[in-house]
Amino acid sequence: MDRRKELKFAYKQTPTPMGVYQLTNKLNGKILIGSSMNLPGKKNSILFQLKQGAHRVKELQADWIASGPDAFDFEVLENLKHEKIAVDQWRGAVTALENKWLAALQPYGDRGYNNKPKEK
């Protein structure tokens, strides 16, 4: 029984995969870029919202309804290497990764579902 407790403890201490994801509409090439501290949970959340017709990005939701789930791919673009970063810096590091991918892919307007960042 002690071994079982050890395994359970080790599992609870293992951080969930975190980083940046991309949801791609294979029919029109538009993408949604985002980040999460729990990538598997985020994927489940996005797919659930889309299936329920309740996703906050109305254009994405409309395309999902029109094209169906087979027209979309969810992929992880980059995982955070959490073992190299202090726990209290994980959230900021994930945000920095997302900003890097947003700058590189520019998923705005005809290219994607993200809202263009406001100019400062």
PDB file of N, CA and C in Angstrom:
ATOM      1  N   MET A   1       0.821  -1.186   0.000  1.00  0.00           N
ATOM      2  CA  MET A   1       0.000   0.000   0.000  1.00  0.00           C
ATOM      3  C   MET A   1       0.873   1.261   0.000  1.00  0.00           C
ATOM      4  N   ASP A   2       2.042   1.204   0.605  1.00  0.00           N
ATOM      5  CA  ASP A   2       2.917   2.368   0.628  1.00  0.00           C
ATOM      6  C   ASP A   2       3.365   2.763  -0.776  1.00  0.00           C
ATOM      7  N   ARG A   3       3.630   1.775  -1.612  1.00  0.00           N
ATOM      8  CA  ARG A   3       4.054   2.053  -2.986  1.00  0.00           C
ATOM      9  C   ARG A   3       2.947   2.795  -3.741  1.00  0.00           C
ATOM     10  N   ARG A   4       1.725   2.407  -3.506  1.00  0.00           N
ATOM     11  CA  ARG A   4       0.591   3.066  -4.153  1.00  0.00           C
ATOM     12  C   ARG A   4       0.503   4.536  -3.718  1.00  0.00           C
ATOM     13  N   LYS A   5       0.713   4.796  -2.442  1.00  0.00           N
ATOM     14  CA  LYS A   5       0.693   6.171  -1.942  1.00  0.00           C
ATOM     15  C   LYS A   5       1.836   6.988  -2.553  1.00  0.00           C
ATOM     16  N   GLU A   6       2.998   6.363  -2.684  1.00  0.00           N
ATOM     17  CA  GLU A   6       4.138   7.044  -3.295  1.00  0.00           C
ATOM     18  C   GLU A   6       3.832   7.425  -4.740  1.00  0.00           C
ATOM     19  N   LEU A   7       3.250   6.498  -5.489  1.00  0.00           N
ATOM     20  CA  LEU A   7       2.917   6.768  -6.880  1.00  0.00           C
ATOM     21  C   LEU A   7       1.871   7.873  -7.001  1.00  0.00           C
ATOM     22  N   LYS A   8       0.889   7.839  -6.126  1.00  0.00           N
ATOM     23  CA  LYS A   8      -0.158   8.851  -6.130  1.00  0.00           C
ATOM     24  C   LYS A   8       0.437  10.229  -5.824  1.00  0.00           C
ATOM     25  N   PHE A   9       1.323  10.282  -4.837  1.00  0.00           N
ATOM     26  CA  PHE A   9       1.980  11.530  -4.472  1.00  0.00           C
ATOM     27  C   PHE A   9       2.822  12.051  -5.642  1.00  0.00           C
ATOM     28  N   ALA A  10       3.584  11.159  -6.277  1.00  0.00           N
ATOM     29  CA  ALA A  10       4.424  11.556  -7.410  1.00  0.00           C
ATOM     30  C   ALA A  10       3.569  12.098  -8.552  1.00  0.00           C
ATOM     31  N   TYR A  11       2.424  11.461  -8.803  1.00  0.00           N
ATOM     32  CA  TYR A  11       1.519  11.926  -9.858  1.00  0.00           C
ATOM     33  C   TYR A  11       1.006  13.329  -9.555  1.00  0.00           C
ATOM     34  N   LYS A  12       0.624  13.565  -8.326  1.00  0.00           N
ATOM     35  CA  LYS A  12       0.097  14.881  -7.942  1.00  0.00           C
ATOM     36  C   LYS A  12       1.164  15.968  -8.013  1.00  0.00           C
ATOM     37  N   GLN A  13       2.421  15.589  -7.874  1.00  0.00           N
ATOM     38  CA  GLN A  13       3.515  16.555  -7.916  1.00  0.00           C
ATOM     39  C   GLN A  13       3.968  16.866  -9.343  1.00  0.00           C
ATOM     40  N   THR A  14       3.518  16.075 -10.320  1.00  0.00           N
ATOM     41  CA  THR A  14       3.914  16.279 -11.701  1.00  0.00           C
ATOM     42  C   THR A  14       3.030  17.352 -12.327  1.00  0.00           C
ATOM     43  N   PRO A  15       3.616  18.447 -12.803  1.00  0.00           N
ATOM     44  CA  PRO A  15       2.805  19.510 -13.393  1.00  0.00           C
ATOM     45  C   PRO A  15       2.161  19.057 -14.706  1.00  0.00           C
ATOM     46  N   THR A  16       0.985  19.601 -14.988  1.00  0.00           N
ATOM     47  CA  THR A  16       0.331  19.305 -16.256  1.00  0.00           C
ATOM     48  C   THR A  16       1.086  20.007 -17.380  1.00  0.00           C
ATOM     49  N   PRO A  17       0.985  19.475 -18.597  1.00  0.00           N
ATOM     50  CA  PRO A  17       1.633  20.159 -19.720  1.00  0.00           C
ATOM     51  C   PRO A  17       1.053  21.567 -19.886  1.00  0.00           C
ATOM     52  N   MET A  18       1.928  22.534 -20.049  1.00  0.00           N
ATOM     53  CA  MET A  18       1.511  23.929 -20.208  1.00  0.00           C
ATOM     54  C   MET A  18       2.276  24.538 -21.365  1.00  0.00           C
ATOM     55  N   GLY A  19       1.647  25.506 -22.019  1.00  0.00           N
ATOM     56  CA  GLY A  19       2.311  26.142 -23.147  1.00  0.00           C
ATOM     57  C   GLY A  19       1.324  26.794 -24.094  1.00  0.00           C
ATOM     58  N   VAL A  20       1.652  26.745 -25.399  1.00  0.00           N
ATOM     59  CA  VAL A  20       0.896  27.440 -26.436  1.00  0.00           C
ATOM     60  C   VAL A  20       0.271  26.421 -27.381  1.00  0.00           C
ATOM     61  N   TYR A  21      -0.991  26.694 -27.754  1.00  0.00           N
ATOM     62  CA  TYR A  21      -1.708  25.816 -28.674  1.00  0.00           C
ATOM     63  C   TYR A  21      -2.203  26.603 -29.881  1.00  0.00           C
ATOM     64  N   GLN A  22      -2.579  25.828 -30.901  1.00  0.00           N
ATOM     65  CA  GLN A  22      -3.148  26.411 -32.109  1.00  0.00           C
ATOM     66  C   GLN A  22      -4.347  25.564 -32.527  1.00  0.00           C
ATOM     67  N   LEU A  23      -5.464  26.207 -32.779  1.00  0.00           N
ATOM     68  CA  LEU A  23      -6.635  25.552 -33.340  1.00  0.00           C
ATOM     69  C   LEU A  23      -6.720  26.012 -34.787  1.00  0.00           C
ATOM     70  N   THR A  24      -6.677  25.079 -35.729  1.00  0.00           N
ATOM     71  CA  THR A  24      -6.627  25.408 -37.150  1.00  0.00           C
ATOM     72  C   THR A  24      -7.889  24.956 -37.859  1.00  0.00           C
ATOM     73  N   ASN A  25      -8.467  25.857 -38.642  1.00  0.00           N
ATOM     74  CA  ASN A  25      -9.561  25.516 -39.539  1.00  0.00           C
ATOM     75  C   ASN A  25      -8.897  25.045 -40.831  1.00  0.00           C
ATOM     76  N   LYS A  26      -8.992  23.749 -41.124  1.00  0.00           N
ATOM     77  CA  LYS A  26      -8.315  23.179 -42.283  1.00  0.00           C
ATOM     78  C   LYS A  26      -8.935  23.625 -43.609  1.00  0.00           C
ATOM     79  N   LEU A  27     -10.153  24.142 -43.583  1.00  0.00           N
ATOM     80  CA  LEU A  27     -10.824  24.548 -44.817  1.00  0.00           C
ATOM     81  C   LEU A  27     -10.418  25.946 -45.275  1.00  0.00           C
ATOM     82  N   ASN A  28     -10.271  26.871 -44.331  1.00  0.00           N
ATOM     83  CA  ASN A  28      -9.928  28.246 -44.722  1.00  0.00           C
ATOM     84  C   ASN A  28      -8.560  28.700 -44.204  1.00  0.00           C
ATOM     85  N   GLY A  29      -7.891  27.866 -43.433  1.00  0.00           N
ATOM     86  CA  GLY A  29      -6.546  28.181 -42.954  1.00  0.00           C
ATOM     87  C   GLY A  29      -6.484  29.118 -41.765  1.00  0.00           C
ATOM     88  N   LYS A  30      -7.623  29.573 -41.271  1.00  0.00           N
ATOM     89  CA  LYS A  30      -7.614  30.493 -40.124  1.00  0.00           C
ATOM     90  C   LYS A  30      -7.207  29.738 -38.857  1.00  0.00           C
ATOM     91  N   ILE A  31      -6.524  30.454 -37.974  1.00  0.00           N
ATOM     92  CA  ILE A  31      -6.032  29.840 -36.744  1.00  0.00           C
ATOM     93  C   ILE A  31      -6.418  30.667 -35.520  1.00  0.00           C
ATOM     94  N   LEU A  32      -6.480  29.982 -34.409  1.00  0.00           N
ATOM     95  CA  LEU A  32      -6.638  30.615 -33.101  1.00  0.00           C
ATOM     96  C   LEU A  32      -5.419  30.207 -32.290  1.00  0.00           C
ATOM     97  N   ILE A  33      -4.707  31.178 -31.775  1.00  0.00           N
ATOM     98  CA  ILE A  33      -3.535  30.929 -30.927  1.00  0.00           C
ATOM     99  C   ILE A  33      -3.917  31.273 -29.498  1.00  0.00           C
ATOM    100  N   GLY A  34      -3.517  30.419 -28.562  1.00  0.00           N
ATOM    101  CA  GLY A  34      -3.759  30.676 -27.156  1.00  0.00           C
ATOM    102  C   GLY A  34      -2.734  29.960 -26.303  1.00  0.00           C
ATOM    103  N   SER A  35      -2.823  30.177 -25.013  1.00  0.00           N
ATOM    104  CA  SER A  35      -1.913  29.508 -24.087  1.00  0.00           C
ATOM    105  C   SER A  35      -2.700  29.028 -22.887  1.00  0.00           C
ATOM    106  N   SER A  36      -2.112  28.080 -22.172  1.00  0.00           N
ATOM    107  CA  SER A  36      -2.779  27.539 -20.995  1.00  0.00           C
ATOM    108  C   SER A  36      -1.761  26.929 -20.043  1.00  0.00           C
ATOM    109  N   MET A  37      -2.130  26.963 -18.772  1.00  0.00           N
ATOM    110  CA  MET A  37      -1.341  26.295 -17.741  1.00  0.00           C
ATOM    111  C   MET A  37      -1.703  24.809 -17.679  1.00  0.00           C
ATOM    112  N   ASN A  38      -2.715  24.407 -18.460  1.00  0.00           N
ATOM    113  CA  ASN A  38      -3.168  23.012 -18.509  1.00  0.00           C
ATOM    114  C   ASN A  38      -3.656  22.744 -19.934  1.00  0.00           C
ATOM    115  N   LEU A  39      -2.745  22.356 -20.820  1.00  0.00           N
ATOM    116  CA  LEU A  39      -3.091  22.182 -22.225  1.00  0.00           C
ATOM    117  C   LEU A  39      -4.153  21.099 -22.469  1.00  0.00           C
ATOM    118  N   PRO A  40      -4.062  19.929 -21.842  1.00  0.00           N
ATOM    119  CA  PRO A  40      -5.126  18.936 -22.061  1.00  0.00           C
ATOM    120  C   PRO A  40      -6.496  19.451 -21.608  1.00  0.00           C
ATOM    121  N   GLY A  41      -6.528  20.136 -20.487  1.00  0.00           N
ATOM    122  CA  GLY A  41      -7.778  20.701 -19.992  1.00  0.00           C
ATOM    123  C   GLY A  41      -8.300  21.790 -20.915  1.00  0.00           C
ATOM    124  N   LYS A  42      -7.414  22.608 -21.470  1.00  0.00           N
ATOM    125  CA  LYS A  42      -7.820  23.683 -22.385  1.00  0.00           C
ATOM    126  C   LYS A  42      -8.417  23.107 -23.657  1.00  0.00           C
ATOM    127  N   LYS A  43      -7.790  22.050 -24.174  1.00  0.00           N
ATOM    128  CA  LYS A  43      -8.323  21.403 -25.375  1.00  0.00           C
ATOM    129  C   LYS A  43      -9.745  20.904 -25.108  1.00  0.00           C
ATOM    130  N   ASN A  44      -9.935  20.216 -24.004  1.00  0.00           N
ATOM    131  CA  ASN A  44     -11.268  19.722 -23.642  1.00  0.00           C
ATOM    132  C   ASN A  44     -12.261  20.870 -23.506  1.00  0.00           C
ATOM    133  N   SER A  45     -11.843  21.957 -22.884  1.00  0.00           N
ATOM    134  CA  SER A  45     -12.709  23.111 -22.677  1.00  0.00           C
ATOM    135  C   SER A  45     -13.131  23.741 -24.004  1.00  0.00           C
ATOM    136  N   ILE A  46     -12.170  23.952 -24.896  1.00  0.00           N
ATOM    137  CA  ILE A  46     -12.468  24.566 -26.189  1.00  0.00           C
ATOM    138  C   ILE A  46     -13.431  23.685 -26.984  1.00  0.00           C
ATOM    139  N   LEU A  47     -13.130  22.395 -27.056  1.00  0.00           N
ATOM    140  CA  LEU A  47     -13.987  21.498 -27.826  1.00  0.00           C
ATOM    141  C   LEU A  47     -15.385  21.415 -27.227  1.00  0.00           C
ATOM    142  N   PHE A  48     -15.480  21.405 -25.909  1.00  0.00           N
ATOM    143  CA  PHE A  48     -16.792  21.379 -25.251  1.00  0.00           C
ATOM    144  C   PHE A  48     -17.580  22.641 -25.585  1.00  0.00           C
ATOM    145  N   GLN A  49     -16.938  23.806 -25.478  1.00  0.00           N
ATOM    146  CA  GLN A  49     -17.614  25.071 -25.780  1.00  0.00           C
ATOM    147  C   GLN A  49     -18.101  25.097 -27.228  1.00  0.00           C
ATOM    148  N   LEU A  50     -17.259  24.648 -28.148  1.00  0.00           N
ATOM    149  CA  LEU A  50     -17.645  24.644 -29.556  1.00  0.00           C
ATOM    150  C   LEU A  50     -18.813  23.687 -29.802  1.00  0.00           C
ATOM    151  N   LYS A  51     -18.769  22.516 -29.203  1.00  0.00           N
ATOM    152  CA  LYS A  51     -19.856  21.539 -29.372  1.00  0.00           C
ATOM    153  C   LYS A  51     -21.169  22.050 -28.794  1.00  0.00           C
ATOM    154  N   GLN A  52     -21.080  22.856 -27.749  1.00  0.00           N
ATOM    155  CA  GLN A  52     -22.268  23.413 -27.109  1.00  0.00           C
ATOM    156  C   GLN A  52     -22.748  24.701 -27.779  1.00  0.00           C
ATOM    157  N   GLY A  53     -21.972  25.207 -28.735  1.00  0.00           N
ATOM    158  CA  GLY A  53     -22.334  26.459 -29.402  1.00  0.00           C
ATOM    159  C   GLY A  53     -22.111  27.679 -28.535  1.00  0.00           C
ATOM    160  N   ALA A  54     -21.147  27.584 -27.613  1.00  0.00           N
ATOM    161  CA  ALA A  54     -20.969  28.640 -26.619  1.00  0.00           C
ATOM    162  C   ALA A  54     -19.564  29.252 -26.612  1.00  0.00           C
ATOM    163  N   HIS A  55     -18.783  29.068 -27.673  1.00  0.00           N
ATOM    164  CA  HIS A  55     -17.429  29.639 -27.666  1.00  0.00           C
ATOM    165  C   HIS A  55     -17.510  31.159 -27.782  1.00  0.00           C
ATOM    166  N   ARG A  56     -16.624  31.850 -27.070  1.00  0.00           N
ATOM    167  CA  ARG A  56     -16.663  33.317 -27.022  1.00  0.00           C
ATOM    168  C   ARG A  56     -16.252  33.974 -28.338  1.00  0.00           C
ATOM    169  N   VAL A  57     -15.493  33.272 -29.170  1.00  0.00           N
ATOM    170  CA  VAL A  57     -15.092  33.817 -30.467  1.00  0.00           C
ATOM    171  C   VAL A  57     -16.175  33.435 -31.466  1.00  0.00           C
ATOM    172  N   LYS A  58     -17.061  34.386 -31.755  1.00  0.00           N
ATOM    173  CA  LYS A  58     -18.260  34.121 -32.551  1.00  0.00           C
ATOM    174  C   LYS A  58     -17.941  33.640 -33.966  1.00  0.00           C
ATOM    175  N   GLU A  59     -16.916  34.203 -34.599  1.00  0.00           N
ATOM    176  CA  GLU A  59     -16.555  33.783 -35.961  1.00  0.00           C
ATOM    177  C   GLU A  59     -16.072  32.332 -35.962  1.00  0.00           C
ATOM    178  N   LEU A  60     -15.274  31.966 -34.977  1.00  0.00           N
ATOM    179  CA  LEU A  60     -14.824  30.582 -34.838  1.00  0.00           C
ATOM    180  C   LEU A  60     -16.024  29.665 -34.624  1.00  0.00           C
ATOM    181  N   GLN A  61     -16.922  30.068 -33.758  1.00  0.00           N
ATOM    182  CA  GLN A  61     -18.113  29.263 -33.487  1.00  0.00           C
ATOM    183  C   GLN A  61     -18.941  29.076 -34.752  1.00  0.00           C
ATOM    184  N   ALA A  62     -19.114  30.134 -35.519  1.00  0.00           N
ATOM    185  CA  ALA A  62     -19.884  30.050 -36.762  1.00  0.00           C
ATOM    186  C   ALA A  62     -19.223  29.097 -37.761  1.00  0.00           C
ATOM    187  N   ASP A  63     -17.897  29.168 -37.878  1.00  0.00           N
ATOM    188  CA  ASP A  63     -17.174  28.270 -38.784  1.00  0.00           C
ATOM    189  C   ASP A  63     -17.287  26.825 -38.320  1.00  0.00           C
ATOM    190  N   TRP A  64     -17.250  26.602 -37.012  1.00  0.00           N
ATOM    191  CA  TRP A  64     -17.386  25.254 -36.450  1.00  0.00           C
ATOM    192  C   TRP A  64     -18.768  24.688 -36.810  1.00  0.00           C
ATOM    193  N   ILE A  65     -19.785  25.495 -36.631  1.00  0.00           N
ATOM    194  CA  ILE A  65     -21.151  25.045 -36.935  1.00  0.00           C
ATOM    195  C   ILE A  65     -21.286  24.740 -38.428  1.00  0.00           C
ATOM    196  N   ALA A  66     -20.723  25.612 -39.267  1.00  0.00           N
ATOM    197  CA  ALA A  66     -20.840  25.454 -40.716  1.00  0.00           C
ATOM    198  C   ALA A  66     -20.026  24.267 -41.247  1.00  0.00           C
ATOM    199  N   SER A  67     -18.839  24.042 -40.674  1.00  0.00           N
ATOM    200  CA  SER A  67     -17.915  23.050 -41.226  1.00  0.00           C
ATOM    201  C   SER A  67     -17.837  21.749 -40.456  1.00  0.00           C
ATOM    202  N   GLY A  68     -18.170  21.788 -39.178  1.00  0.00           N
ATOM    203  CA  GLY A  68     -18.106  20.585 -38.355  1.00  0.00           C
ATOM    204  C   GLY A  68     -16.746  20.372 -37.729  1.00  0.00           C
ATOM    205  N   PRO A  69     -16.688  19.491 -36.733  1.00  0.00           N
ATOM    206  CA  PRO A  69     -15.453  19.276 -35.973  1.00  0.00           C
ATOM    207  C   PRO A  69     -14.306  18.684 -36.786  1.00  0.00           C
ATOM    208  N   ASP A  70     -14.604  17.938 -37.849  1.00  0.00           N
ATOM    209  CA  ASP A  70     -13.532  17.332 -38.642  1.00  0.00           C
ATOM    210  C   ASP A  70     -12.721  18.355 -39.410  1.00  0.00           C
ATOM    211  N   ALA A  71     -13.231  19.575 -39.514  1.00  0.00           N
ATOM    212  CA  ALA A  71     -12.530  20.631 -40.242  1.00  0.00           C
ATOM    213  C   ALA A  71     -11.478  21.333 -39.376  1.00  0.00           C
ATOM    214  N   PHE A  72     -11.339  20.924 -38.116  1.00  0.00           N
ATOM    215  CA  PHE A  72     -10.441  21.613 -37.190  1.00  0.00           C
ATOM    216  C   PHE A  72      -9.407  20.668 -36.586  1.00  0.00           C
ATOM    217  N   ASP A  73      -8.212  21.208 -36.374  1.00  0.00           N
ATOM    218  CA  ASP A  73      -7.129  20.488 -35.700  1.00  0.00           C
ATOM    219  C   ASP A  73      -6.660  21.309 -34.506  1.00  0.00           C
ATOM    220  N   PHE A  74      -6.449  20.621 -33.390  1.00  0.00           N
ATOM    221  CA  PHE A  74      -5.857  21.240 -32.196  1.00  0.00           C
ATOM    222  C   PHE A  74      -4.450  20.692 -32.081  1.00  0.00           C
ATOM    223  N   GLU A  75      -3.468  21.586 -31.983  1.00  0.00           N
ATOM    224  CA  GLU A  75      -2.093  21.117 -31.802  1.00  0.00           C
ATOM    225  C   GLU A  75      -1.356  22.011 -30.809  1.00  0.00           C
ATOM    226  N   VAL A  76      -0.424  21.408 -30.126  1.00  0.00           N
ATOM    227  CA  VAL A  76       0.432  22.137 -29.200  1.00  0.00           C
ATOM    228  C   VAL A  76       1.615  22.669 -30.004  1.00  0.00           C
ATOM    229  N   LEU A  77       1.799  23.976 -29.956  1.00  0.00           N
ATOM    230  CA  LEU A  77       2.921  24.591 -30.670  1.00  0.00           C
ATOM    231  C   LEU A  77       4.214  24.533 -29.865  1.00  0.00           C
ATOM    232  N   GLU A  78       4.080  24.750 -28.544  1.00  0.00           N
ATOM    233  CA  GLU A  78       5.277  24.737 -27.707  1.00  0.00           C
ATOM    234  C   GLU A  78       4.890  24.475 -26.257  1.00  0.00           C
ATOM    235  N   ASN A  79       5.582  23.516 -25.663  1.00  0.00           N
ATOM    236  CA  ASN A  79       5.404  23.234 -24.242  1.00  0.00           C
ATOM    237  C   ASN A  79       6.417  24.041 -23.439  1.00  0.00           C
ATOM    238  N   LEU A  80       5.976  24.519 -22.290  1.00  0.00           N
ATOM    239  CA  LEU A  80       6.887  25.202 -21.376  1.00  0.00           C
ATOM    240  C   LEU A  80       7.778  24.155 -20.721  1.00  0.00           C
ATOM    241  N   LYS A  81       9.056  24.420 -20.715  1.00  0.00           N
ATOM    242  CA  LYS A  81      10.005  23.530 -20.027  1.00  0.00           C
ATOM    243  C   LYS A  81      10.033  23.944 -18.561  1.00  0.00           C
ATOM    244  N   HIS A  82       9.032  23.478 -17.822  1.00  0.00           N
ATOM    245  CA  HIS A  82       8.805  23.940 -16.449  1.00  0.00           C
ATOM    246  C   HIS A  82       9.942  23.600 -15.497  1.00  0.00           C
ATOM    247  N   GLU A  83      10.702  22.563 -15.802  1.00  0.00           N
ATOM    248  CA  GLU A  83      11.786  22.180 -14.888  1.00  0.00           C
ATOM    249  C   GLU A  83      12.919  23.201 -14.878  1.00  0.00           C
ATOM    250  N   LYS A  84      12.947  24.083 -15.883  1.00  0.00           N
ATOM    251  CA  LYS A  84      14.006  25.088 -15.970  1.00  0.00           C
ATOM    252  C   LYS A  84      13.574  26.453 -15.429  1.00  0.00           C
ATOM    253  N   ILE A  85      12.330  26.537 -14.951  1.00  0.00           N
ATOM    254  CA  ILE A  85      11.774  27.823 -14.516  1.00  0.00           C
ATOM    255  C   ILE A  85      11.168  27.662 -13.125  1.00  0.00           C
ATOM    256  N   ALA A  86      11.336  28.666 -12.284  1.00  0.00           N
ATOM    257  CA  ALA A  86      10.741  28.636 -10.945  1.00  0.00           C
ATOM    258  C   ALA A  86       9.212  28.625 -11.062  1.00  0.00           C
ATOM    259  N   VAL A  87       8.569  27.920 -10.159  1.00  0.00           N
ATOM    260  CA  VAL A  87       7.114  27.750 -10.185  1.00  0.00           C
ATOM    261  C   VAL A  87       6.389  29.095 -10.243  1.00  0.00           C
ATOM    262  N   ASP A  88       6.854  30.067  -9.484  1.00  0.00           N
ATOM    263  CA  ASP A  88       6.166  31.361  -9.458  1.00  0.00           C
ATOM    264  C   ASP A  88       6.340  32.155 -10.762  1.00  0.00           C
ATOM    265  N   GLN A  89       7.152  31.659 -11.683  1.00  0.00           N
ATOM    266  CA  GLN A  89       7.359  32.332 -12.964  1.00  0.00           C
ATOM    267  C   GLN A  89       6.696  31.596 -14.132  1.00  0.00           C
ATOM    268  N   TRP A  90       6.025  30.491 -13.859  1.00  0.00           N
ATOM    269  CA  TRP A  90       5.409  29.699 -14.926  1.00  0.00           C
ATOM    270  C   TRP A  90       4.395  30.504 -15.722  1.00  0.00           C
ATOM    271  N   ARG A  91       3.478  31.188 -15.046  1.00  0.00           N
ATOM    272  CA  ARG A  91       2.404  31.913 -15.747  1.00  0.00           C
ATOM    273  C   ARG A  91       2.989  32.988 -16.672  1.00  0.00           C
ATOM    274  N   GLY A  92       3.937  33.748 -16.184  1.00  0.00           N
ATOM    275  CA  GLY A  92       4.567  34.770 -17.011  1.00  0.00           C
ATOM    276  C   GLY A  92       5.314  34.171 -18.194  1.00  0.00           C
ATOM    277  N   ALA A  93       5.939  33.022 -17.985  1.00  0.00           N
ATOM    278  CA  ALA A  93       6.667  32.356 -19.066  1.00  0.00           C
ATOM    279  C   ALA A  93       5.706  31.844 -20.137  1.00  0.00           C
ATOM    280  N   VAL A  94       4.553  31.332 -19.722  1.00  0.00           N
ATOM    281  CA  VAL A  94       3.547  30.869 -20.687  1.00  0.00           C
ATOM    282  C   VAL A  94       3.018  32.053 -21.495  1.00  0.00           C
ATOM    283  N   THR A  95       2.767  33.174 -20.840  1.00  0.00           N
ATOM    284  CA  THR A  95       2.304  34.375 -21.535  1.00  0.00           C
ATOM    285  C   THR A  95       3.352  34.862 -22.536  1.00  0.00           C
ATOM    286  N   ALA A  96       4.611  34.811 -22.158  1.00  0.00           N
ATOM    287  CA  ALA A  96       5.693  35.227 -23.056  1.00  0.00           C
ATOM    288  C   ALA A  96       5.760  34.318 -24.284  1.00  0.00           C
ATOM    289  N   LEU A  97       5.574  33.008 -24.073  1.00  0.00           N
ATOM    290  CA  LEU A  97       5.546  32.080 -25.204  1.00  0.00           C
ATOM    291  C   LEU A  97       4.385  32.401 -26.148  1.00  0.00           C
ATOM    292  N   GLU A  98       3.222  32.679 -25.569  1.00  0.00           N
ATOM    293  CA  GLU A  98       2.063  33.018 -26.393  1.00  0.00           C
ATOM    294  C   GLU A  98       2.335  34.281 -27.208  1.00  0.00           C
ATOM    295  N   ASN A  99       2.884  35.296 -26.584  1.00  0.00           N
ATOM    296  CA  ASN A  99       3.189  36.539 -27.294  1.00  0.00           C
ATOM    297  C   ASN A  99       4.176  36.306 -28.431  1.00  0.00           C
ATOM    298  N   LYS A 100       5.139  35.423 -28.213  1.00  0.00           N
ATOM    299  CA  LYS A 100       6.110  35.081 -29.263  1.00  0.00           C
ATOM    300  C   LYS A 100       5.397  34.478 -30.473  1.00  0.00           C
ATOM    301  N   TRP A 101       4.483  33.530 -30.223  1.00  0.00           N
ATOM    302  CA  TRP A 101       3.761  32.875 -31.310  1.00  0.00           C
ATOM    303  C   TRP A 101       2.768  33.818 -31.979  1.00  0.00           C
ATOM    304  N   LEU A 102       2.122  34.688 -31.215  1.00  0.00           N
ATOM    305  CA  LEU A 102       1.213  35.671 -31.808  1.00  0.00           C
ATOM    306  C   LEU A 102       1.977  36.599 -32.757  1.00  0.00           C
ATOM    307  N   ALA A 103       3.161  37.030 -32.341  1.00  0.00           N
ATOM    308  CA  ALA A 103       3.979  37.904 -33.177  1.00  0.00           C
ATOM    309  C   ALA A 103       4.443  37.183 -34.443  1.00  0.00           C
ATOM    310  N   ALA A 104       4.774  35.916 -34.310  1.00  0.00           N
ATOM    311  CA  ALA A 104       5.278  35.155 -35.456  1.00  0.00           C
ATOM    312  C   ALA A 104       4.174  34.808 -36.453  1.00  0.00           C
ATOM    313  N   LEU A 105       3.001  34.428 -35.965  1.00  0.00           N
ATOM    314  CA  LEU A 105       1.952  33.918 -36.851  1.00  0.00           C
ATOM    315  C   LEU A 105       0.895  34.952 -37.232  1.00  0.00           C
ATOM    316  N   GLN A 106       0.782  36.037 -36.457  1.00  0.00           N
ATOM    317  CA  GLN A 106      -0.163  37.119 -36.756  1.00  0.00           C
ATOM    318  C   GLN A 106      -1.565  36.580 -37.095  1.00  0.00           C
ATOM    319  N   PRO A 107      -2.227  35.890 -36.160  1.00  0.00           N
ATOM    320  CA  PRO A 107      -3.523  35.267 -36.443  1.00  0.00           C
ATOM    321  C   PRO A 107      -4.706  36.226 -36.333  1.00  0.00           C
ATOM    322  N   TYR A 108      -4.655  37.317 -37.085  1.00  0.00           N
ATOM    323  CA  TYR A 108      -5.658  38.375 -36.995  1.00  0.00           C
ATOM    324  C   TYR A 108      -6.350  38.551 -38.343  1.00  0.00           C
ATOM    325  N   GLY A 109      -7.568  39.077 -38.302  1.00  0.00           N
ATOM    326  CA  GLY A 109      -8.299  39.376 -39.535  1.00  0.00           C
ATOM    327  C   GLY A 109      -8.529  38.133 -40.378  1.00  0.00           C
ATOM    328  N   ASP A 110      -8.113  38.184 -41.640  1.00  0.00           N
ATOM    329  CA  ASP A 110      -8.316  37.063 -42.561  1.00  0.00           C
ATOM    330  C   ASP A 110      -7.438  35.863 -42.223  1.00  0.00           C
ATOM    331  N   ARG A 111      -6.441  36.056 -41.397  1.00  0.00           N
ATOM    332  CA  ARG A 111      -5.498  34.979 -41.072  1.00  0.00           C
ATOM    333  C   ARG A 111      -5.890  34.179 -39.841  1.00  0.00           C
ATOM    334  N   GLY A 112      -6.764  34.745 -39.005  1.00  0.00           N
ATOM    335  CA  GLY A 112      -7.069  34.014 -37.788  1.00  0.00           C
ATOM    336  C   GLY A 112      -8.242  34.555 -37.018  1.00  0.00           C
ATOM    337  N   TYR A 113      -8.457  33.940 -35.871  1.00  0.00           N
ATOM    338  CA  TYR A 113      -9.597  34.250 -35.015  1.00  0.00           C
ATOM    339  C   TYR A 113      -9.224  35.130 -33.814  1.00  0.00           C
ATOM    340  N   ASN A 114      -7.945  35.405 -33.622  1.00  0.00           N
ATOM    341  CA  ASN A 114      -7.541  36.238 -32.490  1.00  0.00           C
ATOM    342  C   ASN A 114      -7.880  37.696 -32.748  1.00  0.00           C
ATOM    343  N   ASN A 115      -8.117  38.427 -31.683  1.00  0.00           N
ATOM    344  CA  ASN A 115      -8.308  39.879 -31.779  1.00  0.00           C
ATOM    345  C   ASN A 115      -6.944  40.547 -31.804  1.00  0.00           C
ATOM    346  N   LYS A 116      -6.809  41.526 -32.677  1.00  0.00           N
ATOM    347  CA  LYS A 116      -5.545  42.263 -32.758  1.00  0.00           C
ATOM    348  C   LYS A 116      -5.334  43.004 -31.447  1.00  0.00           C
ATOM    349  N   PRO A 117      -4.105  42.929 -30.895  1.00  0.00           N
ATOM    350  CA  PRO A 117      -3.847  43.644 -29.637  1.00  0.00           C
ATOM    351  C   PRO A 117      -3.992  45.148 -29.829  1.00  0.00           C
ATOM    352  N   LYS A 118      -4.469  45.801 -28.781  1.00  0.00           N
ATOM    353  CA  LYS A 118      -4.630  47.252 -28.824  1.00  0.00           C
ATOM    354  C   LYS A 118      -3.269  47.917 -28.792  1.00  0.00           C
ATOM    355  N   GLU A 119      -3.149  48.968 -29.571  1.00  0.00           N
ATOM    356  CA  GLU A 119      -1.900  49.753 -29.602  1.00  0.00           C
ATOM    357  C   GLU A 119      -1.777  50.521 -28.287  1.00  0.00           C
ATOM    358  N   LYS A 120      -0.562  50.620 -27.789  1.00  0.00           N
ATOM    359  CA  LYS A 120      -0.327  51.330 -26.525  1.00  0.00           C
ATOM    360  C   LYS A 120       0.088  52.742 -26.777  1.00  0.00           C
TER     361      LYS A 120
END
